[in-house]
Amino acid sequence: MTITIYHNPRCSKSRATLEIIQSKGITPNIVEYLHTPPDPDTLEKIARLIGVPLGELLRRNEDDFVAAGDDVPLDDETALARWLHDHPRVLERPIVVDDDNDRAIVGRPPNNVNAIL
């Protein structure tokens, strides 16, 4: 099983989700998305795999989102993916992708990850 976690080590939910994955004997690909943001195509794919519009993966209380105000292109998935790539702090976390079976989930709460492990 090939698992990728879009991870923020400063986030307790992200750390707990990573621990659950590792407790199953899985060594995931860890992408610290604040340092290496997913490209726009990957962001659109993640939203498709989760089964939600990309706008549902935004942390709307995050300072970057609030500061951007009306500049966030919420009505255009492609433009939103580019914007989110440039503002990765706004991305919900953690996101776990089962690369072998084209499934993904948001690890909030962390136990959500069990659905794809």
N, C-alpha and C. Protein backbone atom coordinates (compact mmCIF):
# COMPACT_ATOMS: atom_id res chain seq x y z
N MET A 1 0.84 -1.17 0.00
CA MET A 1 0.00 0.00 0.00
C MET A 1 0.89 1.24 0.00
N THR A 2 0.62 2.15 -0.94
CA THR A 2 1.37 3.39 -1.02
C THR A 2 0.48 4.53 -0.53
N ILE A 3 0.88 5.12 0.57
CA ILE A 3 0.12 6.19 1.21
C ILE A 3 0.95 7.46 1.20
N THR A 4 0.30 8.57 0.88
CA THR A 4 0.92 9.88 0.97
C THR A 4 0.12 10.70 1.96
N ILE A 5 0.82 11.36 2.87
CA ILE A 5 0.16 12.26 3.81
C ILE A 5 0.69 13.67 3.58
N TYR A 6 -0.24 14.59 3.37
CA TYR A 6 0.09 16.01 3.28
C TYR A 6 0.03 16.50 4.72
N HIS A 7 1.19 16.75 5.27
CA HIS A 7 1.41 16.80 6.71
C HIS A 7 1.96 18.14 7.16
N ASN A 8 1.49 18.56 8.33
CA ASN A 8 2.07 19.71 9.01
C ASN A 8 2.49 19.21 10.39
N PRO A 9 3.78 19.06 10.63
CA PRO A 9 4.24 18.49 11.90
C PRO A 9 3.88 19.33 13.12
N ARG A 10 3.48 20.57 12.94
CA ARG A 10 3.08 21.42 14.07
C ARG A 10 1.62 21.22 14.45
N CYS A 11 0.88 20.46 13.65
CA CYS A 11 -0.55 20.25 13.87
C CYS A 11 -0.77 18.94 14.61
N SER A 12 -1.46 18.99 15.74
CA SER A 12 -1.68 17.77 16.53
C SER A 12 -2.52 16.75 15.77
N LYS A 13 -3.49 17.19 15.00
CA LYS A 13 -4.32 16.25 14.22
C LYS A 13 -3.49 15.57 13.14
N SER A 14 -2.60 16.31 12.54
CA SER A 14 -1.73 15.75 11.51
C SER A 14 -0.77 14.74 12.13
N ARG A 15 -0.20 15.07 13.26
CA ARG A 15 0.71 14.13 13.94
C ARG A 15 -0.03 12.87 14.36
N ALA A 16 -1.25 13.01 14.88
CA ALA A 16 -2.03 11.85 15.31
C ALA A 16 -2.39 10.97 14.11
N THR A 17 -2.72 11.58 12.99
CA THR A 17 -3.05 10.82 11.79
C THR A 17 -1.82 10.05 11.30
N LEU A 18 -0.67 10.69 11.31
CA LEU A 18 0.57 10.03 10.91
C LEU A 18 0.86 8.85 11.84
N GLU A 19 0.63 9.01 13.12
CA GLU A 19 0.86 7.92 14.08
C GLU A 19 -0.04 6.73 13.78
N ILE A 20 -1.30 6.98 13.44
CA ILE A 20 -2.21 5.89 13.10
C ILE A 20 -1.71 5.13 11.89
N ILE A 21 -1.28 5.85 10.88
CA ILE A 21 -0.76 5.21 9.65
C ILE A 21 0.44 4.35 10.00
N GLN A 22 1.38 4.91 10.74
CA GLN A 22 2.59 4.18 11.09
C GLN A 22 2.29 3.00 12.00
N SER A 23 1.27 3.10 12.85
CA SER A 23 0.93 1.99 13.74
C SER A 23 0.41 0.78 12.97
N LYS A 24 -0.01 1.00 11.74
CA LYS A 24 -0.48 -0.10 10.88
C LYS A 24 0.69 -0.72 10.09
N GLY A 25 1.91 -0.29 10.40
CA GLY A 25 3.09 -0.82 9.72
C GLY A 25 3.34 -0.19 8.36
N ILE A 26 2.70 0.93 8.09
CA ILE A 26 2.85 1.61 6.81
C ILE A 26 3.82 2.77 6.97
N THR A 27 4.76 2.85 6.05
CA THR A 27 5.67 3.99 6.00
C THR A 27 5.20 4.89 4.87
N PRO A 28 4.50 5.97 5.20
CA PRO A 28 3.93 6.82 4.15
C PRO A 28 4.95 7.75 3.53
N ASN A 29 4.61 8.23 2.35
CA ASN A 29 5.33 9.35 1.77
C ASN A 29 4.82 10.58 2.51
N ILE A 30 5.72 11.31 3.14
CA ILE A 30 5.32 12.48 3.92
C ILE A 30 5.66 13.73 3.12
N VAL A 31 4.63 14.51 2.83
CA VAL A 31 4.82 15.76 2.12
C VAL A 31 4.48 16.88 3.10
N GLU A 32 5.50 17.60 3.52
CA GLU A 32 5.26 18.77 4.37
C GLU A 32 4.81 19.88 3.44
N TYR A 33 3.49 19.98 3.29
CA TYR A 33 2.91 20.80 2.24
C TYR A 33 3.17 22.30 2.40
N LEU A 34 3.55 22.74 3.59
CA LEU A 34 3.89 24.16 3.74
C LEU A 34 5.23 24.47 3.08
N HIS A 35 6.11 23.48 3.01
CA HIS A 35 7.42 23.64 2.36
C HIS A 35 7.37 23.20 0.90
N THR A 36 6.54 22.21 0.61
CA THR A 36 6.42 21.67 -0.75
C THR A 36 4.93 21.56 -1.08
N PRO A 37 4.32 22.68 -1.45
CA PRO A 37 2.88 22.65 -1.73
C PRO A 37 2.58 21.78 -2.96
N PRO A 38 1.47 21.05 -2.91
CA PRO A 38 1.08 20.27 -4.09
C PRO A 38 0.80 21.22 -5.26
N ASP A 39 1.13 20.76 -6.46
CA ASP A 39 0.87 21.58 -7.63
C ASP A 39 -0.65 21.65 -7.88
N PRO A 40 -1.10 22.60 -8.68
CA PRO A 40 -2.54 22.76 -8.90
C PRO A 40 -3.24 21.50 -9.42
N ASP A 41 -2.62 20.76 -10.31
CA ASP A 41 -3.24 19.53 -10.82
C ASP A 41 -3.43 18.52 -9.69
N THR A 42 -2.45 18.41 -8.81
CA THR A 42 -2.55 17.48 -7.68
C THR A 42 -3.66 17.92 -6.74
N LEU A 43 -3.78 19.21 -6.49
CA LEU A 43 -4.84 19.71 -5.62
C LEU A 43 -6.22 19.38 -6.19
N GLU A 44 -6.39 19.56 -7.49
CA GLU A 44 -7.67 19.22 -8.11
C GLU A 44 -7.94 17.72 -8.03
N LYS A 45 -6.90 16.91 -8.22
CA LYS A 45 -7.05 15.46 -8.13
C LYS A 45 -7.44 15.05 -6.71
N ILE A 46 -6.80 15.63 -5.71
CA ILE A 46 -7.12 15.30 -4.31
C ILE A 46 -8.59 15.59 -4.03
N ALA A 47 -9.07 16.74 -4.46
CA ALA A 47 -10.48 17.08 -4.24
C ALA A 47 -11.39 16.06 -4.91
N ARG A 48 -11.05 15.66 -6.14
CA ARG A 48 -11.85 14.64 -6.85
C ARG A 48 -11.85 13.32 -6.08
N LEU A 49 -10.68 12.91 -5.58
CA LEU A 49 -10.58 11.64 -4.86
C LEU A 49 -11.39 11.68 -3.56
N ILE A 50 -11.40 12.81 -2.90
CA ILE A 50 -12.19 12.95 -1.67
C ILE A 50 -13.68 13.05 -2.02
N GLY A 51 -13.95 13.60 -3.21
CA GLY A 51 -15.34 13.71 -3.65
C GLY A 51 -16.00 15.02 -3.24
N VAL A 52 -15.18 16.06 -3.16
CA VAL A 52 -15.70 17.38 -2.78
C VAL A 52 -15.13 18.43 -3.72
N PRO A 53 -15.82 19.57 -3.83
CA PRO A 53 -15.21 20.69 -4.55
C PRO A 53 -13.98 21.16 -3.78
N LEU A 54 -13.01 21.68 -4.47
CA LEU A 54 -11.77 22.14 -3.84
C LEU A 54 -12.05 23.17 -2.75
N GLY A 55 -13.07 23.96 -2.93
CA GLY A 55 -13.42 24.97 -1.93
C GLY A 55 -13.75 24.39 -0.57
N GLU A 56 -14.12 23.11 -0.51
CA GLU A 56 -14.41 22.48 0.78
C GLU A 56 -13.14 22.06 1.52
N LEU A 57 -11.99 22.19 0.88
CA LEU A 57 -10.72 21.83 1.52
C LEU A 57 -9.96 23.06 2.01
N LEU A 58 -10.68 24.17 2.16
CA LEU A 58 -10.07 25.41 2.60
C LEU A 58 -10.32 25.63 4.09
N ARG A 59 -9.30 26.09 4.75
CA ARG A 59 -9.42 26.51 6.15
C ARG A 59 -9.78 28.00 6.11
N ARG A 60 -11.06 28.27 6.17
CA ARG A 60 -11.57 29.63 5.94
C ARG A 60 -11.27 30.60 7.08
N ASN A 61 -10.85 30.09 8.22
CA ASN A 61 -10.45 30.97 9.33
C ASN A 61 -8.97 31.30 9.31
N GLU A 62 -8.24 30.67 8.40
CA GLU A 62 -6.79 30.90 8.28
C GLU A 62 -6.55 32.35 7.85
N ASP A 63 -5.52 32.97 8.43
CA ASP A 63 -5.23 34.38 8.15
C ASP A 63 -5.07 34.66 6.65
N ASP A 64 -4.40 33.78 5.91
CA ASP A 64 -4.19 34.00 4.47
C ASP A 64 -5.52 34.06 3.73
N PHE A 65 -6.47 33.23 4.12
CA PHE A 65 -7.79 33.23 3.47
C PHE A 65 -8.54 34.51 3.81
N VAL A 66 -8.56 34.86 5.08
CA VAL A 66 -9.28 36.06 5.53
C VAL A 66 -8.69 37.30 4.87
N ALA A 67 -7.36 37.39 4.83
CA ALA A 67 -6.70 38.55 4.25
C ALA A 67 -6.97 38.68 2.75
N ALA A 68 -7.13 37.55 2.07
CA ALA A 68 -7.36 37.59 0.62
C ALA A 68 -8.76 38.08 0.28
N GLY A 69 -9.70 37.86 1.17
CA GLY A 69 -11.06 38.35 0.96
C GLY A 69 -11.64 37.90 -0.38
N ASP A 70 -12.10 38.86 -1.14
CA ASP A 70 -12.75 38.57 -2.43
C ASP A 70 -11.77 38.14 -3.51
N ASP A 71 -10.48 38.15 -3.24
CA ASP A 71 -9.49 37.73 -4.24
C ASP A 71 -9.39 36.21 -4.36
N VAL A 72 -10.02 35.47 -3.47
CA VAL A 72 -10.00 34.01 -3.55
C VAL A 72 -11.01 33.59 -4.63
N PRO A 73 -10.53 32.91 -5.69
CA PRO A 73 -11.40 32.56 -6.81
C PRO A 73 -12.26 31.32 -6.53
N LEU A 74 -13.23 31.45 -5.65
CA LEU A 74 -14.02 30.31 -5.20
C LEU A 74 -14.90 29.70 -6.30
N ASP A 75 -15.18 30.45 -7.35
CA ASP A 75 -16.07 29.96 -8.40
C ASP A 75 -15.35 29.34 -9.59
N ASP A 76 -14.04 29.15 -9.47
CA ASP A 76 -13.24 28.60 -10.58
C ASP A 76 -12.23 27.61 -9.99
N GLU A 77 -12.50 26.31 -10.16
CA GLU A 77 -11.65 25.27 -9.56
C GLU A 77 -10.19 25.38 -9.99
N THR A 78 -9.95 25.64 -11.26
CA THR A 78 -8.57 25.72 -11.76
C THR A 78 -7.85 26.91 -11.15
N ALA A 79 -8.50 28.06 -11.13
CA ALA A 79 -7.90 29.25 -10.53
C ALA A 79 -7.73 29.06 -9.02
N LEU A 80 -8.70 28.42 -8.38
CA LEU A 80 -8.59 28.16 -6.95
C LEU A 80 -7.42 27.23 -6.65
N ALA A 81 -7.20 26.23 -7.49
CA ALA A 81 -6.06 25.32 -7.29
C ALA A 81 -4.75 26.08 -7.39
N ARG A 82 -4.65 27.00 -8.33
CA ARG A 82 -3.43 27.81 -8.44
C ARG A 82 -3.26 28.71 -7.21
N TRP A 83 -4.37 29.31 -6.77
CA TRP A 83 -4.31 30.19 -5.59
C TRP A 83 -3.90 29.38 -4.35
N LEU A 84 -4.49 28.20 -4.20
CA LEU A 84 -4.19 27.37 -3.04
C LEU A 84 -2.74 26.89 -3.06
N HIS A 85 -2.21 26.61 -4.24
CA HIS A 85 -0.79 26.24 -4.35
C HIS A 85 0.09 27.38 -3.82
N ASP A 86 -0.33 28.61 -4.08
CA ASP A 86 0.44 29.77 -3.63
C ASP A 86 0.17 30.14 -2.17
N HIS A 87 -0.89 29.58 -1.58
CA HIS A 87 -1.27 29.87 -0.20
C HIS A 87 -1.54 28.55 0.54
N PRO A 88 -0.53 27.70 0.68
CA PRO A 88 -0.76 26.35 1.21
C PRO A 88 -1.26 26.32 2.66
N ARG A 89 -1.07 27.38 3.42
CA ARG A 89 -1.56 27.39 4.80
C ARG A 89 -3.08 27.22 4.87
N VAL A 90 -3.74 27.57 3.79
CA VAL A 90 -5.21 27.52 3.76
C VAL A 90 -5.71 26.09 3.54
N LEU A 91 -4.86 25.21 3.06
CA LEU A 91 -5.27 23.83 2.78
C LEU A 91 -5.60 23.09 4.07
N GLU A 92 -6.74 22.41 4.07
CA GLU A 92 -7.13 21.58 5.20
C GLU A 92 -6.04 20.53 5.45
N ARG A 93 -5.90 20.13 6.70
CA ARG A 93 -4.86 19.16 7.03
C ARG A 93 -5.34 18.20 8.09
N PRO A 94 -4.72 17.06 8.12
CA PRO A 94 -3.89 16.45 7.08
C PRO A 94 -4.78 15.82 6.01
N ILE A 95 -4.21 15.65 4.85
CA ILE A 95 -4.88 14.92 3.78
C ILE A 95 -4.06 13.67 3.53
N VAL A 96 -4.75 12.53 3.48
CA VAL A 96 -4.09 11.25 3.26
C VAL A 96 -4.62 10.67 1.95
N VAL A 97 -3.68 10.25 1.10
CA VAL A 97 -4.04 9.69 -0.20
C VAL A 97 -3.53 8.25 -0.29
N ASP A 98 -4.44 7.36 -0.66
CA ASP A 98 -4.09 5.97 -0.98
C ASP A 98 -3.79 5.96 -2.47
N ASP A 99 -2.51 6.05 -2.82
CA ASP A 99 -2.09 6.19 -4.21
C ASP A 99 -2.41 4.97 -5.06
N ASP A 100 -2.46 3.79 -4.44
CA ASP A 100 -2.72 2.56 -5.18
C ASP A 100 -4.19 2.42 -5.59
N ASN A 101 -5.08 2.94 -4.75
CA ASN A 101 -6.51 2.73 -4.99
C ASN A 101 -7.27 4.02 -5.29
N ASP A 102 -6.52 5.11 -5.55
CA ASP A 102 -7.14 6.39 -5.89
C ASP A 102 -8.25 6.78 -4.92
N ARG A 103 -7.87 6.85 -3.64
CA ARG A 103 -8.78 7.30 -2.59
C ARG A 103 -8.05 8.32 -1.74
N ALA A 104 -8.80 9.21 -1.14
CA ALA A 104 -8.20 10.20 -0.26
C ALA A 104 -9.20 10.58 0.82
N ILE A 105 -8.68 11.12 1.90
CA ILE A 105 -9.51 11.49 3.03
C ILE A 105 -8.82 12.60 3.82
N VAL A 106 -9.62 13.41 4.48
CA VAL A 106 -9.08 14.41 5.40
C VAL A 106 -9.01 13.75 6.78
N GLY A 107 -7.87 13.84 7.43
CA GLY A 107 -7.67 13.22 8.73
C GLY A 107 -8.16 14.07 9.88
N ARG A 108 -9.37 14.53 9.81
CA ARG A 108 -10.03 15.28 10.88
C ARG A 108 -11.39 14.68 11.08
N PRO A 109 -11.61 13.95 12.12
CA PRO A 109 -10.65 13.57 13.14
C PRO A 109 -9.65 12.54 12.61
N PRO A 110 -8.55 12.35 13.30
CA PRO A 110 -7.51 11.43 12.82
C PRO A 110 -8.01 10.04 12.49
N ASN A 111 -8.98 9.53 13.23
CA ASN A 111 -9.49 8.18 12.97
C ASN A 111 -10.14 8.04 11.60
N ASN A 112 -10.44 9.14 10.93
CA ASN A 112 -10.98 9.06 9.56
C ASN A 112 -10.06 8.26 8.65
N VAL A 113 -8.77 8.31 8.95
CA VAL A 113 -7.80 7.66 8.08
C VAL A 113 -8.01 6.13 8.02
N ASN A 114 -8.61 5.57 9.04
CA ASN A 114 -8.84 4.12 9.05
C ASN A 114 -9.72 3.66 7.88
N ALA A 115 -10.52 4.55 7.35
CA ALA A 115 -11.41 4.20 6.24
C ALA A 115 -10.65 3.82 4.98
N ILE A 116 -9.41 4.29 4.86
CA ILE A 116 -8.66 3.94 3.64
C ILE A 116 -7.45 3.07 3.92
N LEU A 117 -7.21 2.74 5.17
CA LEU A 117 -6.05 1.87 5.48
C LEU A 117 -6.44 0.41 5.41
